[in-house]
Amino acid sequence: METITTTDLSKFGARERQLAEILLRAWRVQGLPEDFTDEEVTIMLNTNSGCVFLTNSEFQAVMFNGDKLEIFYYCPNCGNEGFEKEIMNDGKCKQCGEQIK
């Protein structure tokens, strides 16, 4: 079974390495989102989608939402995923009502 995500930079193409550079620059300039735990932060690639993101020891993910770094959330109950304003109301999944935060 092939893994979907990797931190192996040799698996990143030119586009993905460029996205990693942009992410690192944004981290330096903007900082990480307040609720993102900054322990064991690494760059990761989803080989299926081509998305490059930052992740940590808590399995949180940070991606660009426009030009701003934001946490990308996942509802473990129904699988709904996206940025906070897209999928949550008061910390609960818009789709199933499960607490996400």
PDB file of N, CA and C in Angstrom:
ATOM      1  N   MET A   1       0.844  -1.191   0.000  1.00  0.00           N
ATOM      2  CA  MET A   1       0.000   0.000   0.000  1.00  0.00           C
ATOM      3  C   MET A   1       0.880   1.241   0.000  1.00  0.00           C
ATOM      4  N   GLU A   2       0.597   2.151  -0.901  1.00  0.00           N
ATOM      5  CA  GLU A   2       1.373   3.378  -1.019  1.00  0.00           C
ATOM      6  C   GLU A   2       0.855   4.419  -0.025  1.00  0.00           C
ATOM      7  N   THR A   3       1.780   5.115   0.641  1.00  0.00           N
ATOM      8  CA  THR A   3       1.359   6.163   1.572  1.00  0.00           C
ATOM      9  C   THR A   3       0.959   7.409   0.782  1.00  0.00           C
ATOM     10  N   ILE A   4      -0.003   8.119   1.315  1.00  0.00           N
ATOM     11  CA  ILE A   4      -0.543   9.305   0.656  1.00  0.00           C
ATOM     12  C   ILE A   4       0.287  10.543   0.974  1.00  0.00           C
ATOM     13  N   THR A   5       0.843  10.608   2.174  1.00  0.00           N
ATOM     14  CA  THR A   5       1.615  11.781   2.569  1.00  0.00           C
ATOM     15  C   THR A   5       3.074  11.425   2.789  1.00  0.00           C
ATOM     16  N   THR A   6       3.934  12.417   2.574  1.00  0.00           N
ATOM     17  CA  THR A   6       5.362  12.193   2.773  1.00  0.00           C
ATOM     18  C   THR A   6       6.051  13.483   3.212  1.00  0.00           C
ATOM     19  N   THR A   7       7.126  13.309   3.953  1.00  0.00           N
ATOM     20  CA  THR A   7       8.010  14.417   4.306  1.00  0.00           C
ATOM     21  C   THR A   7       9.332  14.294   3.554  1.00  0.00           C
ATOM     22  N   ASP A   8       9.441  13.279   2.730  1.00  0.00           N
ATOM     23  CA  ASP A   8      10.652  13.014   1.949  1.00  0.00           C
ATOM     24  C   ASP A   8      10.744  14.027   0.806  1.00  0.00           C
ATOM     25  N   LEU A   9      11.653  14.979   0.944  1.00  0.00           N
ATOM     26  CA  LEU A   9      11.764  16.050  -0.049  1.00  0.00           C
ATOM     27  C   LEU A   9      12.142  15.541  -1.435  1.00  0.00           C
ATOM     28  N   SER A  10      12.725  14.359  -1.526  1.00  0.00           N
ATOM     29  CA  SER A  10      13.054  13.809  -2.844  1.00  0.00           C
ATOM     30  C   SER A  10      11.795  13.429  -3.625  1.00  0.00           C
ATOM     31  N   LYS A  11      10.675  13.321  -2.937  1.00  0.00           N
ATOM     32  CA  LYS A  11       9.394  13.005  -3.578  1.00  0.00           C
ATOM     33  C   LYS A  11       8.664  14.273  -4.027  1.00  0.00           C
ATOM     34  N   PHE A  12       9.147  15.454  -3.619  1.00  0.00           N
ATOM     35  CA  PHE A  12       8.563  16.734  -3.990  1.00  0.00           C
ATOM     36  C   PHE A  12       9.085  17.103  -5.380  1.00  0.00           C
ATOM     37  N   GLY A  13       8.195  17.470  -6.280  1.00  0.00           N
ATOM     38  CA  GLY A  13       8.615  17.980  -7.580  1.00  0.00           C
ATOM     39  C   GLY A  13       9.006  19.445  -7.455  1.00  0.00           C
ATOM     40  N   ALA A  14       9.369  20.071  -8.563  1.00  0.00           N
ATOM     41  CA  ALA A  14       9.774  21.483  -8.558  1.00  0.00           C
ATOM     42  C   ALA A  14       8.651  22.372  -8.022  1.00  0.00           C
ATOM     43  N   ARG A  15       7.406  22.124  -8.444  1.00  0.00           N
ATOM     44  CA  ARG A  15       6.260  22.913  -7.980  1.00  0.00           C
ATOM     45  C   ARG A  15       6.091  22.784  -6.471  1.00  0.00           C
ATOM     46  N   GLU A  16       6.171  21.556  -5.968  1.00  0.00           N
ATOM     47  CA  GLU A  16       5.969  21.312  -4.546  1.00  0.00           C
ATOM     48  C   GLU A  16       7.098  21.908  -3.711  1.00  0.00           C
ATOM     49  N   ARG A  17       8.345  21.874  -4.215  1.00  0.00           N
ATOM     50  CA  ARG A  17       9.456  22.511  -3.492  1.00  0.00           C
ATOM     51  C   ARG A  17       9.272  24.022  -3.452  1.00  0.00           C
ATOM     52  N   GLN A  18       8.761  24.592  -4.534  1.00  0.00           N
ATOM     53  CA  GLN A  18       8.490  26.028  -4.547  1.00  0.00           C
ATOM     54  C   GLN A  18       7.396  26.376  -3.531  1.00  0.00           C
ATOM     55  N   LEU A  19       6.352  25.564  -3.464  1.00  0.00           N
ATOM     56  CA  LEU A  19       5.288  25.788  -2.475  1.00  0.00           C
ATOM     57  C   LEU A  19       5.842  25.682  -1.052  1.00  0.00           C
ATOM     58  N   ALA A  20       6.767  24.744  -0.832  1.00  0.00           N
ATOM     59  CA  ALA A  20       7.395  24.601   0.484  1.00  0.00           C
ATOM     60  C   ALA A  20       8.169  25.864   0.842  1.00  0.00           C
ATOM     61  N   GLU A  21       8.887  26.434  -0.119  1.00  0.00           N
ATOM     62  CA  GLU A  21       9.616  27.690   0.108  1.00  0.00           C
ATOM     63  C   GLU A  21       8.659  28.811   0.507  1.00  0.00           C
ATOM     64  N   ILE A  22       7.555  28.903  -0.202  1.00  0.00           N
ATOM     65  CA  ILE A  22       6.568  29.954   0.078  1.00  0.00           C
ATOM     66  C   ILE A  22       5.968  29.760   1.468  1.00  0.00           C
ATOM     67  N   LEU A  23       5.682  28.514   1.839  1.00  0.00           N
ATOM     68  CA  LEU A  23       5.160  28.220   3.184  1.00  0.00           C
ATOM     69  C   LEU A  23       6.154  28.643   4.263  1.00  0.00           C
ATOM     70  N   LEU A  24       7.412  28.291   4.078  1.00  0.00           N
ATOM     71  CA  LEU A  24       8.428  28.641   5.070  1.00  0.00           C
ATOM     72  C   LEU A  24       8.589  30.154   5.190  1.00  0.00           C
ATOM     73  N   ARG A  25       8.547  30.849   4.069  1.00  0.00           N
ATOM     74  CA  ARG A  25       8.636  32.315   4.101  1.00  0.00           C
ATOM     75  C   ARG A  25       7.434  32.902   4.841  1.00  0.00           C
ATOM     76  N   ALA A  26       6.242  32.384   4.562  1.00  0.00           N
ATOM     77  CA  ALA A  26       5.032  32.877   5.239  1.00  0.00           C
ATOM     78  C   ALA A  26       5.108  32.614   6.736  1.00  0.00           C
ATOM     79  N   TRP A  27       5.647  31.466   7.132  1.00  0.00           N
ATOM     80  CA  TRP A  27       5.812  31.151   8.552  1.00  0.00           C
ATOM     81  C   TRP A  27       6.723  32.190   9.198  1.00  0.00           C
ATOM     82  N   ARG A  28       7.818  32.536   8.510  1.00  0.00           N
ATOM     83  CA  ARG A  28       8.760  33.524   9.046  1.00  0.00           C
ATOM     84  C   ARG A  28       8.106  34.901   9.170  1.00  0.00           C
ATOM     85  N   VAL A  29       7.349  35.304   8.151  1.00  0.00           N
ATOM     86  CA  VAL A  29       6.756  36.640   8.109  1.00  0.00           C
ATOM     87  C   VAL A  29       5.488  36.737   8.959  1.00  0.00           C
ATOM     88  N   GLN A  30       4.571  35.778   8.822  1.00  0.00           N
ATOM     89  CA  GLN A  30       3.271  35.824   9.496  1.00  0.00           C
ATOM     90  C   GLN A  30       3.262  35.137  10.851  1.00  0.00           C
ATOM     91  N   GLY A  31       4.138  34.171  11.013  1.00  0.00           N
ATOM     92  CA  GLY A  31       4.053  33.302  12.174  1.00  0.00           C
ATOM     93  C   GLY A  31       2.997  32.242  11.933  1.00  0.00           C
ATOM     94  N   LEU A  32       2.912  31.311  12.841  1.00  0.00           N
ATOM     95  CA  LEU A  32       1.918  30.244  12.734  1.00  0.00           C
ATOM     96  C   LEU A  32       0.612  30.679  13.391  1.00  0.00           C
ATOM     97  N   PRO A  33      -0.514  30.100  13.005  1.00  0.00           N
ATOM     98  CA  PRO A  33      -1.783  30.417  13.658  1.00  0.00           C
ATOM     99  C   PRO A  33      -1.689  30.159  15.165  1.00  0.00           C
ATOM    100  N   GLU A  34      -2.399  30.948  15.924  1.00  0.00           N
ATOM    101  CA  GLU A  34      -2.343  30.892  17.390  1.00  0.00           C
ATOM    102  C   GLU A  34      -2.617  29.503  17.958  1.00  0.00           C
ATOM    103  N   ASP A  35      -3.593  28.797  17.407  1.00  0.00           N
ATOM    104  CA  ASP A  35      -3.992  27.494  17.942  1.00  0.00           C
ATOM    105  C   ASP A  35      -3.130  26.335  17.440  1.00  0.00           C
ATOM    106  N   PHE A  36      -2.136  26.630  16.613  1.00  0.00           N
ATOM    107  CA  PHE A  36      -1.276  25.591  16.055  1.00  0.00           C
ATOM    108  C   PHE A  36      -0.118  25.332  17.003  1.00  0.00           C
ATOM    109  N   THR A  37       0.038  24.090  17.425  1.00  0.00           N
ATOM    110  CA  THR A  37       1.123  23.704  18.324  1.00  0.00           C
ATOM    111  C   THR A  37       2.422  23.664  17.543  1.00  0.00           C
ATOM    112  N   ASP A  38       3.434  24.404  17.997  1.00  0.00           N
ATOM    113  CA  ASP A  38       4.676  24.467  17.227  1.00  0.00           C
ATOM    114  C   ASP A  38       5.727  23.466  17.713  1.00  0.00           C
ATOM    115  N   GLU A  39       5.303  22.231  17.905  1.00  0.00           N
ATOM    116  CA  GLU A  39       6.219  21.147  18.274  1.00  0.00           C
ATOM    117  C   GLU A  39       6.340  20.182  17.099  1.00  0.00           C
ATOM    118  N   GLU A  40       7.565  19.852  16.747  1.00  0.00           N
ATOM    119  CA  GLU A  40       7.861  18.919  15.662  1.00  0.00           C
ATOM    120  C   GLU A  40       7.200  19.334  14.351  1.00  0.00           C
ATOM    121  N   VAL A  41       7.306  20.615  14.008  1.00  0.00           N
ATOM    122  CA  VAL A  41       6.723  21.124  12.769  1.00  0.00           C
ATOM    123  C   VAL A  41       7.557  20.641  11.588  1.00  0.00           C
ATOM    124  N   THR A  42       6.884  20.155  10.578  1.00  0.00           N
ATOM    125  CA  THR A  42       7.549  19.667   9.370  1.00  0.00           C
ATOM    126  C   THR A  42       6.705  19.992   8.145  1.00  0.00           C
ATOM    127  N   ILE A  43       7.344  19.957   6.992  1.00  0.00           N
ATOM    128  CA  ILE A  43       6.640  20.159   5.727  1.00  0.00           C
ATOM    129  C   ILE A  43       6.208  18.797   5.217  1.00  0.00           C
ATOM    130  N   MET A  44       4.977  18.731   4.727  1.00  0.00           N
ATOM    131  CA  MET A  44       4.450  17.470   4.241  1.00  0.00           C
ATOM    132  C   MET A  44       3.776  17.685   2.893  1.00  0.00           C
ATOM    133  N   LEU A  45       3.807  16.658   2.069  1.00  0.00           N
ATOM    134  CA  LEU A  45       3.170  16.657   0.758  1.00  0.00           C
ATOM    135  C   LEU A  45       2.113  15.564   0.720  1.00  0.00           C
ATOM    136  N   ASN A  46       0.917  15.917   0.266  1.00  0.00           N
ATOM    137  CA  ASN A  46      -0.105  14.922  -0.037  1.00  0.00           C
ATOM    138  C   ASN A  46       0.114  14.546  -1.501  1.00  0.00           C
ATOM    139  N   THR A  47       0.592  13.340  -1.740  1.00  0.00           N
ATOM    140  CA  THR A  47       0.947  12.928  -3.098  1.00  0.00           C
ATOM    141  C   THR A  47      -0.269  12.747  -4.001  1.00  0.00           C
ATOM    142  N   ASN A  48      -1.448  12.580  -3.427  1.00  0.00           N
ATOM    143  CA  ASN A  48      -2.667  12.465  -4.239  1.00  0.00           C
ATOM    144  C   ASN A  48      -3.154  13.825  -4.720  1.00  0.00           C
ATOM    145  N   SER A  49      -3.167  14.812  -3.818  1.00  0.00           N
ATOM    146  CA  SER A  49      -3.709  16.131  -4.157  1.00  0.00           C
ATOM    147  C   SER A  49      -2.651  17.116  -4.630  1.00  0.00           C
ATOM    148  N   GLY A  50      -1.393  16.870  -4.267  1.00  0.00           N
ATOM    149  CA  GLY A  50      -0.332  17.829  -4.575  1.00  0.00           C
ATOM    150  C   GLY A  50      -0.252  18.961  -3.573  1.00  0.00           C
ATOM    151  N   CYS A  51      -1.070  18.903  -2.518  1.00  0.00           N
ATOM    152  CA  CYS A  51      -1.054  19.953  -1.487  1.00  0.00           C
ATOM    153  C   CYS A  51       0.206  19.822  -0.638  1.00  0.00           C
ATOM    154  N   VAL A  52       0.832  20.963  -0.380  1.00  0.00           N
ATOM    155  CA  VAL A  52       1.990  21.039   0.502  1.00  0.00           C
ATOM    156  C   VAL A  52       1.548  21.831   1.724  1.00  0.00           C
ATOM    157  N   PHE A  53       1.870  21.318   2.907  1.00  0.00           N
ATOM    158  CA  PHE A  53       1.391  21.953   4.131  1.00  0.00           C
ATOM    159  C   PHE A  53       2.375  21.720   5.270  1.00  0.00           C
ATOM    160  N   LEU A  54       2.167  22.458   6.344  1.00  0.00           N
ATOM    161  CA  LEU A  54       2.937  22.253   7.569  1.00  0.00           C
ATOM    162  C   LEU A  54       2.103  21.384   8.490  1.00  0.00           C
ATOM    163  N   THR A  55       2.755  20.499   9.197  1.00  0.00           N
ATOM    164  CA  THR A  55       2.068  19.664  10.173  1.00  0.00           C
ATOM    165  C   THR A  55       2.933  19.578  11.424  1.00  0.00           C
ATOM    166  N   ASN A  56       2.378  19.024  12.490  1.00  0.00           N
ATOM    167  CA  ASN A  56       3.095  18.993  13.765  1.00  0.00           C
ATOM    168  C   ASN A  56       2.843  17.682  14.507  1.00  0.00           C
ATOM    169  N   SER A  57       3.345  17.624  15.732  1.00  0.00           N
ATOM    170  CA  SER A  57       3.203  16.411  16.546  1.00  0.00           C
ATOM    171  C   SER A  57       1.753  16.114  16.922  1.00  0.00           C
ATOM    172  N   GLU A  58       0.882  17.090  16.811  1.00  0.00           N
ATOM    173  CA  GLU A  58      -0.547  16.917  17.118  1.00  0.00           C
ATOM    174  C   GLU A  58      -1.359  16.573  15.867  1.00  0.00           C
ATOM    175  N   PHE A  59      -0.684  16.405  14.732  1.00  0.00           N
ATOM    176  CA  PHE A  59      -1.312  16.107  13.444  1.00  0.00           C
ATOM    177  C   PHE A  59      -2.210  17.231  12.951  1.00  0.00           C
ATOM    178  N   GLN A  60      -1.942  18.460  13.415  1.00  0.00           N
ATOM    179  CA  GLN A  60      -2.634  19.612  12.868  1.00  0.00           C
ATOM    180  C   GLN A  60      -1.992  19.927  11.517  1.00  0.00           C
ATOM    181  N   ALA A  61      -2.737  20.591  10.655  1.00  0.00           N
ATOM    182  CA  ALA A  61      -2.212  20.985   9.349  1.00  0.00           C
ATOM    183  C   ALA A  61      -2.440  22.474   9.135  1.00  0.00           C
ATOM    184  N   VAL A  62      -1.441  23.142   8.571  1.00  0.00           N
ATOM    185  CA  VAL A  62      -1.543  24.559   8.229  1.00  0.00           C
ATOM    186  C   VAL A  62      -1.311  24.701   6.731  1.00  0.00           C
ATOM    187  N   MET A  63      -2.233  25.429   6.091  1.00  0.00           N
ATOM    188  CA  MET A  63      -2.151  25.677   4.650  1.00  0.00           C
ATOM    189  C   MET A  63      -2.496  27.135   4.398  1.00  0.00           C
ATOM    190  N   PHE A  64      -2.310  27.555   3.149  1.00  0.00           N
ATOM    191  CA  PHE A  64      -2.730  28.896   2.768  1.00  0.00           C
ATOM    192  C   PHE A  64      -4.230  28.912   2.526  1.00  0.00           C
ATOM    193  N   ASN A  65      -4.887  29.902   3.108  1.00  0.00           N
ATOM    194  CA  ASN A  65      -6.266  30.239   2.770  1.00  0.00           C
ATOM    195  C   ASN A  65      -6.153  31.632   2.171  1.00  0.00           C
ATOM    196  N   GLY A  66      -6.087  31.693   0.866  1.00  0.00           N
ATOM    197  CA  GLY A  66      -5.720  32.943   0.195  1.00  0.00           C
ATOM    198  C   GLY A  66      -4.242  33.170   0.424  1.00  0.00           C
ATOM    199  N   ASP A  67      -3.898  34.293   1.047  1.00  0.00           N
ATOM    200  CA  ASP A  67      -2.483  34.580   1.324  1.00  0.00           C
ATOM    201  C   ASP A  67      -2.153  34.475   2.810  1.00  0.00           C
ATOM    202  N   LYS A  68      -3.054  33.900   3.579  1.00  0.00           N
ATOM    203  CA  LYS A  68      -2.881  33.783   5.028  1.00  0.00           C
ATOM    204  C   LYS A  68      -2.753  32.315   5.437  1.00  0.00           C
ATOM    205  N   LEU A  69      -1.850  32.045   6.365  1.00  0.00           N
ATOM    206  CA  LEU A  69      -1.713  30.693   6.901  1.00  0.00           C
ATOM    207  C   LEU A  69      -2.835  30.435   7.900  1.00  0.00           C
ATOM    208  N   GLU A  70      -3.549  29.336   7.700  1.00  0.00           N
ATOM    209  CA  GLU A  70      -4.636  28.962   8.606  1.00  0.00           C
ATOM    210  C   GLU A  70      -4.616  27.454   8.828  1.00  0.00           C
ATOM    211  N   ILE A  71      -5.177  27.054   9.950  1.00  0.00           N
ATOM    212  CA  ILE A  71      -5.300  25.629  10.244  1.00  0.00           C
ATOM    213  C   ILE A  71      -6.374  25.034   9.340  1.00  0.00           C
ATOM    214  N   PHE A  72      -6.064  23.876   8.778  1.00  0.00           N
ATOM    215  CA  PHE A  72      -7.000  23.123   7.957  1.00  0.00           C
ATOM    216  C   PHE A  72      -7.562  22.027   8.849  1.00  0.00           C
ATOM    217  N   TYR A  73      -8.858  22.061   9.065  1.00  0.00           N
ATOM    218  CA  TYR A  73      -9.510  21.166  10.026  1.00  0.00           C
ATOM    219  C   TYR A  73     -10.115  19.946   9.349  1.00  0.00           C
ATOM    220  N   TYR A  74     -10.281  18.908  10.152  1.00  0.00           N
ATOM    221  CA  TYR A  74     -10.874  17.650   9.712  1.00  0.00           C
ATOM    222  C   TYR A  74     -11.817  17.173  10.810  1.00  0.00           C
ATOM    223  N   CYS A  75     -13.037  16.830  10.436  1.00  0.00           N
ATOM    224  CA  CYS A  75     -13.990  16.291  11.408  1.00  0.00           C
ATOM    225  C   CYS A  75     -13.845  14.767  11.440  1.00  0.00           C
ATOM    226  N   PRO A  76     -13.427  14.222  12.577  1.00  0.00           N
ATOM    227  CA  PRO A  76     -13.241  12.775  12.658  1.00  0.00           C
ATOM    228  C   PRO A  76     -14.552  11.992  12.599  1.00  0.00           C
ATOM    229  N   ASN A  77     -15.654  12.672  12.834  1.00  0.00           N
ATOM    230  CA  ASN A  77     -16.946  11.994  12.830  1.00  0.00           C
ATOM    231  C   ASN A  77     -17.489  11.778  11.412  1.00  0.00           C
ATOM    232  N   CYS A  78     -17.467  12.828  10.585  1.00  0.00           N
ATOM    233  CA  CYS A  78     -18.091  12.717   9.257  1.00  0.00           C
ATOM    234  C   CYS A  78     -17.116  12.894   8.092  1.00  0.00           C
ATOM    235  N   GLY A  79     -15.876  13.287   8.395  1.00  0.00           N
ATOM    236  CA  GLY A  79     -14.884  13.452   7.333  1.00  0.00           C
ATOM    237  C   GLY A  79     -14.887  14.816   6.669  1.00  0.00           C
ATOM    238  N   ASN A  80     -15.765  15.710   7.094  1.00  0.00           N
ATOM    239  CA  ASN A  80     -15.796  17.066   6.546  1.00  0.00           C
ATOM    240  C   ASN A  80     -14.440  17.727   6.804  1.00  0.00           C
ATOM    241  N   GLU A  81     -13.914  18.449   5.830  1.00  0.00           N
ATOM    242  CA  GLU A  81     -12.636  19.120   6.022  1.00  0.00           C
ATOM    243  C   GLU A  81     -12.612  20.460   5.325  1.00  0.00           C
ATOM    244  N   GLY A  82     -11.788  21.354   5.876  1.00  0.00           N
ATOM    245  CA  GLY A  82     -11.649  22.687   5.312  1.00  0.00           C
ATOM    246  C   GLY A  82     -11.175  23.662   6.369  1.00  0.00           C
ATOM    247  N   PHE A  83     -11.194  24.931   6.009  1.00  0.00           N
ATOM    248  CA  PHE A  83     -10.799  25.972   6.949  1.00  0.00           C
ATOM    249  C   PHE A  83     -11.960  26.296   7.883  1.00  0.00           C
ATOM    250  N   GLU A  84     -11.637  26.905   9.014  1.00  0.00           N
ATOM    251  CA  GLU A  84     -12.613  27.123  10.083  1.00  0.00           C
ATOM    252  C   GLU A  84     -13.934  27.719   9.600  1.00  0.00           C
ATOM    253  N   LYS A  85     -13.883  28.819   8.860  1.00  0.00           N
ATOM    254  CA  LYS A  85     -15.120  29.484   8.430  1.00  0.00           C
ATOM    255  C   LYS A  85     -15.934  28.634   7.465  1.00  0.00           C
ATOM    256  N   GLU A  86     -15.250  27.723   6.769  1.00  0.00           N
ATOM    257  CA  GLU A  86     -15.947  26.874   5.800  1.00  0.00           C
ATOM    258  C   GLU A  86     -16.708  25.732   6.457  1.00  0.00           C
ATOM    259  N   ILE A  87     -16.140  25.156   7.527  1.00  0.00           N
ATOM    260  CA  ILE A  87     -16.735  23.916   8.053  1.00  0.00           C
ATOM    261  C   ILE A  87     -17.244  23.999   9.485  1.00  0.00           C
ATOM    262  N   MET A  88     -17.027  25.129  10.177  1.00  0.00           N
ATOM    263  CA  MET A  88     -17.410  25.174  11.593  1.00  0.00           C
ATOM    264  C   MET A  88     -18.305  26.346  11.949  1.00  0.00           C
ATOM    265  N   ASN A  89     -19.134  26.101  12.945  1.00  0.00           N
ATOM    266  CA  ASN A  89     -19.900  27.127  13.653  1.00  0.00           C
ATOM    267  C   ASN A  89     -19.617  26.925  15.130  1.00  0.00           C
ATOM    268  N   ASP A  90     -19.033  27.915  15.777  1.00  0.00           N
ATOM    269  CA  ASP A  90     -18.722  27.838  17.209  1.00  0.00           C
ATOM    270  C   ASP A  90     -17.946  26.574  17.571  1.00  0.00           C
ATOM    271  N   GLY A  91     -16.985  26.206  16.721  1.00  0.00           N
ATOM    272  CA  GLY A  91     -16.146  25.048  17.002  1.00  0.00           C
ATOM    273  C   GLY A  91     -16.771  23.704  16.693  1.00  0.00           C
ATOM    274  N   LYS A  92     -17.976  23.714  16.124  1.00  0.00           N
ATOM    275  CA  LYS A  92     -18.656  22.459  15.787  1.00  0.00           C
ATOM    276  C   LYS A  92     -18.784  22.333  14.272  1.00  0.00           C
ATOM    277  N   CYS A  93     -18.700  21.107  13.806  1.00  0.00           N
ATOM    278  CA  CYS A  93     -18.804  20.808  12.383  1.00  0.00           C
ATOM    279  C   CYS A  93     -20.194  21.221  11.869  1.00  0.00           C
ATOM    280  N   LYS A  94     -20.209  21.986  10.786  1.00  0.00           N
ATOM    281  CA  LYS A  94     -21.484  22.414  10.189  1.00  0.00           C
ATOM    282  C   LYS A  94     -22.272  21.220   9.655  1.00  0.00           C
ATOM    283  N   GLN A  95     -21.573  20.176   9.276  1.00  0.00           N
ATOM    284  CA  GLN A  95     -22.212  19.026   8.649  1.00  0.00           C
ATOM    285  C   GLN A  95     -22.876  18.084   9.660  1.00  0.00           C
ATOM    286  N   CYS A  96     -22.168  17.776  10.774  1.00  0.00           N
ATOM    287  CA  CYS A  96     -22.705  16.775  11.695  1.00  0.00           C
ATOM    288  C   CYS A  96     -22.864  17.277  13.140  1.00  0.00           C
ATOM    289  N   GLY A  97     -22.329  18.462  13.448  1.00  0.00           N
ATOM    290  CA  GLY A  97     -22.460  19.016  14.796  1.00  0.00           C
ATOM    291  C   GLY A  97     -21.390  18.553  15.782  1.00  0.00           C
ATOM    292  N   GLU A  98     -20.455  17.715  15.335  1.00  0.00           N
ATOM    293  CA  GLU A  98     -19.377  17.220  16.204  1.00  0.00           C
ATOM    294  C   GLU A  98     -18.434  18.370  16.566  1.00  0.00           C
ATOM    295  N   GLN A  99     -17.978  18.396  17.827  1.00  0.00           N
ATOM    296  CA  GLN A  99     -17.004  19.384  18.283  1.00  0.00           C
ATOM    297  C   GLN A  99     -15.670  19.109  17.587  1.00  0.00           C
ATOM    298  N   ILE A 100     -15.087  20.126  16.975  1.00  0.00           N
ATOM    299  CA  ILE A 100     -13.821  19.954  16.275  1.00  0.00           C
ATOM    300  C   ILE A 100     -12.679  20.583  17.042  1.00  0.00           C
ATOM    301  N   LYS A 101     -12.886  21.743  17.593  1.00  0.00           N
ATOM    302  CA  LYS A 101     -11.817  22.425  18.337  1.00  0.00           C
ATOM    303  C   LYS A 101     -11.667  21.848  19.706  1.00  0.00           C
TER     304      LYS A 101
END
